[in-house]
């Protein structure tokens, strides 16, 4: 009996020790998590991967909402064509959330099912597109992607935003005081018939940095390729070509804001270019076939203030073509 009591007492002590250590480890782990989260940032190699547990893309995005954690990159692999309804990426109470949509084996298409922006990127959220093709439809009422204040859109290799015809703001991308970084990819075949910015509309303090990629074959009343309204556009590389404006700025329309040619190559020199865009009115009629700048009244800087020169060539407007025009940054 004494031996049995001794063994039982030893077992109880062992269980209690285990429980204590388990509880302590849990508290230590939680404390480490708190320090890590409050420190800000997440290591680039730390990625939460969402795999086949979801039946489709929408299921996987729902899973993200149920498993949120600040300072986390959620990698969502897309291995087939999908259809999806408009979705707002907003995660109240969490910061630095990145949704990385990545096509597997080949670029994968995500097609808009109903009217609205396929993705609206909200504050403290970044959406990365890689080998993902977003497709709109012919009777939409919004841009295919909207980026609001504090949100960020990043396009990488194999990404595309295409085939969206809208009567809202911007055909492809509407940057509403958010940030858009185009590292590669294509924005094409988009059209807006009421407002402006067939490919990209950047407004109200938003910023667009184009490092690489192509904006082509988009159409709008003004700014067939890009429309800048009280915002910032920096072009370090890439191509803006084949876009059309019914009125002004076949390639780029700058209503109010800043257009900066960065250091990455020469426009029209192989690094990047603005060419073969069309607008109804010619330069002599206060419009730009490639780029059009509006400062108070209609003013296009040409070969005067060239501290940030941009060469525009082989563009036509109302049958008018001119080579060698230079446009400086516009405030």
Protein backbone atom coordinates (compact mmCIF):
# COMPACT_ATOMS: atom_id res chain seq x y z
CA UNK A 1 0.00 0.00 0.00
CA UNK A 2 2.84 2.36 0.91
CA UNK A 3 4.47 1.68 -2.48
CA UNK A 4 1.19 2.38 -4.25
CA UNK A 5 0.84 5.70 -2.41
CA UNK A 6 4.43 6.59 -3.28
CA UNK A 7 3.88 5.84 -7.01
CA UNK A 8 0.61 7.76 -6.99
CA UNK A 9 2.21 10.77 -5.31
CA UNK A 10 5.05 10.68 -7.85
CA UNK A 11 2.58 10.54 -10.72
CA UNK A 12 0.65 13.52 -9.34
CA UNK A 13 3.87 15.52 -8.98
CA UNK A 14 4.83 14.63 -12.58
CA UNK A 15 1.44 15.73 -13.91
CA UNK A 16 1.57 18.99 -11.96
CA UNK A 17 5.08 19.70 -13.21
CA UNK A 18 4.02 19.06 -16.80
CA UNK A 19 1.00 21.35 -16.46
CA UNK A 20 3.15 24.11 -14.96
CA UNK A 21 5.75 23.87 -17.71
CA UNK A 22 3.06 23.79 -20.42
CA UNK A 23 1.37 26.88 -18.97
CA UNK A 24 4.66 28.72 -18.61
CA UNK A 25 5.68 27.90 -22.18
CA UNK A 26 2.33 29.15 -23.39
CA UNK A 27 2.78 32.44 -21.54
CA UNK A 28 6.33 32.81 -22.85
CA UNK A 29 5.16 32.11 -26.40
CA UNK A 30 2.37 34.69 -26.06
CA UNK A 31 4.82 37.24 -24.67
CA UNK A 32 7.19 36.65 -27.58
CA UNK A 33 4.29 37.07 -29.98
CA UNK A 34 3.32 40.38 -28.34
CA UNK A 35 6.88 41.70 -28.54
CA UNK A 36 7.18 40.55 -32.17
CA UNK A 37 3.88 42.15 -33.16
CA UNK A 38 4.54 45.43 -31.34
CA UNK A 39 8.01 45.68 -32.86
CA UNK A 40 6.36 46.09 -36.27
CA UNK A 41 7.21 44.37 -39.54
CA UNK A 42 7.42 40.72 -40.38
CA UNK A 43 10.38 38.80 -41.81
CA UNK A 44 10.11 38.50 -45.58
CA UNK A 45 10.38 34.73 -45.41
CA UNK A 46 7.49 34.39 -42.93
CA UNK A 47 4.47 33.54 -45.05
CA UNK A 48 1.22 31.96 -44.01
CA UNK A 49 0.21 29.64 -46.82
CA UNK A 50 -3.42 28.92 -47.55
CA UNK A 51 -3.68 25.67 -49.47
CA UNK A 52 -6.30 23.21 -50.61
CA UNK A 53 -8.32 23.46 -47.39
CA UNK A 54 -10.56 25.92 -49.23
CA UNK A 55 -12.73 24.80 -52.12
CA UNK A 56 -12.13 28.01 -54.06
CA UNK A 57 -10.59 31.45 -53.87
CA UNK A 58 -13.49 32.94 -51.91
CA UNK A 59 -13.23 30.17 -49.32
CA UNK A 60 -9.54 30.91 -48.87
CA UNK A 61 -10.16 34.62 -48.42
CA UNK A 62 -12.84 33.76 -45.86
CA UNK A 63 -10.24 31.63 -44.07
CA UNK A 64 -7.98 34.65 -43.86
CA UNK A 65 -10.72 36.65 -42.13
CA UNK A 66 -11.10 33.87 -39.58
CA UNK A 67 -7.35 33.56 -38.92
CA UNK A 68 -6.15 37.15 -38.86
CA UNK A 69 -2.94 38.29 -37.27
CA UNK A 70 -1.14 41.62 -37.68
CA UNK A 71 2.15 41.81 -39.61
CA UNK A 72 1.43 38.73 -41.66
CA UNK A 73 1.69 37.88 -45.35
CA UNK A 74 -1.03 35.50 -46.49
CA UNK A 75 -0.01 33.62 -49.63
CA UNK A 76 -3.07 32.43 -51.53
CA UNK A 77 -2.25 30.03 -54.34
CA UNK A 78 -4.70 29.96 -57.24
CA UNK A 79 -4.40 26.82 -59.37
CA UNK A 80 -7.43 27.25 -61.66
CA UNK A 81 -9.59 29.92 -63.23
CA UNK A 82 -12.05 31.42 -60.74
CA UNK A 83 -15.09 33.68 -60.68
CA UNK A 84 -15.53 36.02 -57.76
CA UNK A 85 -17.91 38.70 -56.53
CA UNK A 86 -16.67 42.13 -55.41
CA UNK A 87 -14.79 42.01 -52.12
CA UNK A 88 -13.41 44.69 -49.82
CA UNK A 89 -10.13 43.77 -48.14
CA UNK A 90 -10.67 45.48 -44.80
CA UNK A 91 -9.49 44.01 -41.50
CA UNK A 92 -10.40 46.33 -38.63
CA UNK A 93 -8.16 46.06 -35.60
CA UNK A 94 -5.24 44.56 -37.54
CA UNK A 95 -2.29 46.20 -39.25
CA UNK A 96 0.15 45.30 -42.03
CA UNK A 97 -1.94 42.58 -43.60
CA UNK A 98 -0.70 41.43 -47.02
CA UNK A 99 -2.82 39.32 -49.35
CA UNK A 100 -0.55 37.76 -51.98
CA UNK A 101 -2.52 36.17 -54.82
CA UNK A 102 -0.26 33.89 -56.84
CA UNK A 103 -1.15 31.81 -59.88
CA UNK A 104 0.33 28.31 -59.92
CA UNK A 105 2.03 26.82 -63.02
CA UNK A 106 0.64 29.56 -65.28
CA UNK A 107 -1.15 32.90 -64.90
CA UNK A 108 -4.64 32.21 -63.53
CA UNK A 109 -7.70 34.31 -64.33
CA UNK A 110 -10.09 35.68 -61.72
CA UNK A 111 -13.23 36.99 -63.42
CA UNK A 112 -15.65 39.47 -61.90
CA UNK A 113 -19.14 37.97 -61.43
CA UNK A 114 -21.15 41.11 -60.66
CA UNK A 115 -20.88 44.90 -60.72
CA UNK A 116 -18.36 46.66 -58.50
CA UNK A 117 -14.62 46.56 -57.91
CA UNK A 118 -13.39 42.99 -57.83
CA UNK A 119 -11.05 44.06 -55.02
CA UNK A 120 -11.19 47.19 -52.89
CA UNK A 121 -7.96 47.52 -50.92
CA UNK A 122 -8.49 49.39 -47.67
CA UNK A 123 -6.32 50.94 -44.97
CA UNK A 124 -3.30 48.96 -43.70
CA UNK A 125 -3.79 46.27 -46.34
CA UNK A 126 -1.54 45.39 -49.29
CA UNK A 127 -2.72 43.34 -52.26
CA UNK A 128 0.00 41.67 -54.36
CA UNK A 129 -0.84 40.18 -57.76
CA UNK A 130 1.59 37.66 -59.24
CA UNK A 131 0.69 35.46 -62.21
CA UNK A 132 -2.89 36.58 -61.67
CA UNK A 133 -5.16 38.02 -64.38
CA UNK A 134 -8.12 40.06 -63.15
CA UNK A 135 -10.92 40.29 -65.72
CA UNK A 136 -13.89 42.66 -65.64
CA UNK A 137 -16.95 42.83 -67.84
CA UNK A 138 -18.60 45.17 -70.33
CA UNK A 139 -21.23 46.84 -68.13
CA UNK A 140 -19.50 47.53 -64.83
CA UNK A 141 -20.04 50.57 -62.62
CA UNK A 142 -16.58 50.72 -61.01
CA UNK A 143 -12.89 50.18 -61.68
CA UNK A 144 -11.67 46.59 -61.49
CA UNK A 145 -9.45 47.43 -58.49
CA UNK A 146 -9.96 50.35 -56.07
CA UNK A 147 -7.20 51.37 -53.66
CA UNK A 148 -8.34 53.58 -50.78
CA UNK A 149 -6.44 55.71 -48.28
CA UNK A 150 -3.69 53.67 -46.59
CA UNK A 151 -4.06 50.72 -48.96
CA UNK A 152 -1.48 49.48 -51.45
CA UNK A 153 -1.68 47.55 -54.71
CA UNK A 154 1.42 45.83 -56.13
CA UNK A 155 1.54 44.22 -59.59
CA UNK A 156 4.30 41.72 -60.33
CA UNK A 157 5.31 39.40 -63.17
CA UNK A 158 2.46 37.70 -64.99
CA UNK A 159 -0.23 39.96 -63.54
CA UNK A 160 -2.87 41.74 -65.60
CA UNK A 161 -5.91 43.96 -65.04
CA UNK A 162 -8.00 43.77 -68.16
CA UNK A 163 -11.28 43.97 -70.06
CA UNK A 164 -13.28 46.17 -67.70
CA UNK A 165 -15.69 48.74 -69.15
CA UNK A 166 -17.06 51.07 -66.52
CA UNK A 167 -19.14 54.19 -66.06
CA UNK A 168 -17.37 54.89 -62.75
CA UNK A 169 -13.96 56.26 -61.80
CA UNK A 170 -11.13 54.58 -63.72
CA UNK A 171 -11.43 51.57 -65.95
CA UNK A 172 -8.64 49.35 -64.63
CA UNK A 173 -7.37 50.82 -61.35
CA UNK A 174 -8.73 53.70 -59.25
CA UNK A 175 -6.19 54.91 -56.68
CA UNK A 176 -8.20 57.02 -54.23
CA UNK A 177 -5.48 58.45 -51.96
CA UNK A 178 -3.83 55.03 -51.79
CA UNK A 179 -0.63 53.69 -53.34
CA UNK A 180 -0.05 51.67 -56.50
CA UNK A 181 3.32 50.12 -57.41
CA UNK A 182 3.59 48.52 -60.83
CA UNK A 183 6.71 46.35 -60.86
CA UNK A 184 5.54 44.43 -63.93
CA UNK A 185 2.41 43.17 -65.60
CA UNK A 186 -0.16 44.70 -67.92
CA UNK A 187 -3.19 46.96 -67.73
CA UNK A 188 -5.09 46.66 -71.00
CA UNK A 189 -8.45 46.66 -72.73
CA UNK A 190 -10.17 48.79 -70.09
CA UNK A 191 -12.58 51.60 -70.86
CA UNK A 192 -14.43 54.30 -68.95
CA UNK A 193 -17.20 56.21 -70.67
CA UNK A 194 -18.36 58.76 -68.09
CA UNK A 195 -15.36 59.81 -66.02
CA UNK A 196 -11.62 59.61 -66.85
CA UNK A 197 -8.60 57.32 -66.72
CA UNK A 198 -9.13 54.32 -68.98
CA UNK A 199 -6.21 52.36 -67.54
CA UNK A 200 -5.42 54.09 -64.24
CA UNK A 201 -7.00 57.02 -62.38
CA UNK A 202 -4.95 58.44 -59.49
CA UNK A 203 -6.67 61.10 -57.36
CA UNK A 204 -6.79 63.01 -54.07
CA UNK A 205 -3.20 62.58 -52.94
CA UNK A 206 -2.73 59.05 -54.25
CA UNK A 207 0.54 57.86 -55.76
CA UNK A 208 1.43 55.63 -58.69
CA UNK A 209 4.99 54.37 -59.24
CA UNK A 210 5.54 52.56 -62.54
CA UNK A 211 8.81 50.62 -62.58
CA UNK A 212 8.03 48.20 -65.37
CA UNK A 213 5.09 46.74 -67.26
CA UNK A 214 2.71 47.95 -69.95
CA UNK A 215 -0.40 50.12 -70.04
CA UNK A 216 -1.99 49.68 -73.46
CA UNK A 217 -5.20 49.76 -75.47
CA UNK A 218 -7.28 51.55 -72.84
CA UNK A 219 -9.84 54.27 -73.58
CA UNK A 220 -11.45 57.22 -71.78
CA UNK A 221 -12.82 60.72 -72.45
CA UNK A 222 -9.57 62.09 -70.98
CA UNK A 223 -6.40 60.21 -70.05
CA UNK A 224 -6.78 57.06 -72.11
CA UNK A 225 -3.85 55.41 -70.33
CA UNK A 226 -3.46 57.39 -67.09
CA UNK A 227 -5.34 60.30 -65.51
CA UNK A 228 -3.70 62.24 -62.65
CA UNK A 229 -5.91 64.49 -60.51
CA UNK A 230 -4.23 66.11 -57.46
CA UNK A 231 -1.92 63.12 -57.23
CA UNK A 232 1.57 61.83 -58.02
CA UNK A 233 2.88 59.70 -60.89
CA UNK A 234 6.50 58.52 -61.13
CA UNK A 235 7.59 56.63 -64.23
CA UNK A 236 10.88 54.77 -63.79
CA UNK A 237 10.22 52.30 -66.58
CA UNK A 238 7.55 50.53 -68.58
CA UNK A 239 5.49 51.35 -71.66
CA UNK A 240 2.35 53.40 -72.21
CA UNK A 241 1.13 52.66 -75.71
CA UNK A 242 -1.91 52.39 -77.94
CA UNK A 243 -4.31 54.19 -75.57
CA UNK A 244 -7.08 56.50 -76.76
CA UNK A 245 -8.78 59.61 -75.38
CA UNK A 246 -11.93 61.05 -76.87
CA UNK A 247 -10.73 64.51 -75.88
CA UNK A 248 -7.36 65.08 -74.21
CA UNK A 249 -4.32 63.04 -73.19
CA UNK A 250 -4.25 59.80 -75.14
CA UNK A 251 -1.44 58.42 -72.99
CA UNK A 252 -1.37 60.60 -69.86
CA UNK A 253 -3.62 63.41 -68.63
CA UNK A 254 -2.31 65.53 -65.74
CA UNK A 255 -5.07 67.70 -64.33
CA UNK A 256 -3.28 68.71 -61.17
CA UNK A 257 -0.35 66.95 -59.56
CA UNK A 258 3.18 65.78 -60.29
CA UNK A 259 4.56 63.67 -63.12
CA UNK A 260 8.16 62.64 -62.50
CA UNK A 261 10.45 60.80 -64.88
CA UNK A 262 12.66 58.68 -62.65
CA UNK A 263 16.25 57.59 -63.17
CA UNK A 264 15.57 54.17 -64.66
CA UNK A 265 16.24 54.56 -68.37
CA UNK A 266 15.19 56.95 -71.11
CA UNK A 267 11.69 57.32 -72.39
CA UNK A 268 11.86 56.49 -76.09
CA UNK A 269 15.31 55.08 -75.50
CA UNK A 270 14.64 51.44 -74.63
CA UNK A 271 14.11 51.77 -70.89
CA UNK A 272 10.57 53.05 -71.14
CA UNK A 273 8.44 55.01 -73.53
CA UNK A 274 5.16 56.74 -74.19
CA UNK A 275 4.16 56.15 -77.79
CA UNK A 276 1.38 55.51 -80.29
CA UNK A 277 -1.38 57.00 -78.15
CA UNK A 278 -4.30 58.95 -79.60
CA UNK A 279 -6.43 61.93 -78.62
CA UNK A 280 -9.06 63.88 -80.50
CA UNK A 281 -7.32 67.25 -80.26
CA UNK A 282 -3.73 68.13 -81.19
CA UNK A 283 -1.07 69.93 -79.20
CA UNK A 284 -1.76 73.24 -80.90
CA UNK A 285 -5.36 72.91 -79.74
CA UNK A 286 -4.38 72.66 -76.06
CA UNK A 287 -4.42 68.88 -75.83
CA UNK A 288 -1.70 66.25 -75.74
CA UNK A 289 -1.70 63.16 -77.86
CA UNK A 290 0.79 61.52 -75.54
CA UNK A 291 0.59 63.66 -72.43
CA UNK A 292 -1.60 66.61 -71.59
CA UNK A 293 -1.03 68.95 -68.67
CA UNK A 294 -3.61 71.35 -67.30
CA UNK A 295 -2.34 74.15 -65.04
CA UNK A 296 -5.08 76.61 -64.05
CA UNK A 297 -5.85 77.24 -67.69
CA UNK A 298 -4.66 74.90 -70.40
CA UNK A 299 -0.86 74.93 -70.53
CA UNK A 300 1.50 72.36 -71.95
CA UNK A 301 5.17 72.92 -71.15
CA UNK A 302 7.14 72.23 -74.27
CA UNK A 303 10.91 72.56 -74.53
CA UNK A 304 11.02 75.27 -71.88
CA UNK A 305 11.27 73.91 -68.35
CA UNK A 306 13.04 70.59 -68.85
CA UNK A 307 14.56 69.83 -65.46
CA UNK A 308 12.74 66.47 -65.60
CA UNK A 309 12.56 65.85 -69.36
CA UNK A 310 10.27 63.29 -70.89
CA UNK A 311 10.36 62.61 -74.60
CA UNK A 312 7.06 61.75 -76.26
CA UNK A 313 7.04 60.52 -79.82
CA UNK A 314 5.03 58.83 -82.55
CA UNK A 315 1.71 59.84 -81.02
CA UNK A 316 -1.22 61.12 -83.02
CA UNK A 317 -4.02 63.53 -82.20
CA UNK A 318 -6.69 64.33 -84.71
CA UNK A 319 -4.32 63.25 -87.44
CA UNK A 320 -1.53 65.41 -86.01
CA UNK A 321 1.80 63.78 -85.19
CA UNK A 322 4.92 65.27 -83.67
CA UNK A 323 8.23 63.94 -82.41
CA UNK A 324 10.53 65.21 -79.70
CA UNK A 325 8.12 67.00 -77.40
CA UNK A 326 9.30 67.37 -73.82
CA UNK A 327 7.16 67.78 -70.74
CA UNK A 328 8.50 68.71 -67.32
CA UNK A 329 7.08 67.87 -63.92
CA UNK A 330 3.82 69.66 -63.28
CA UNK A 331 2.65 71.00 -59.89
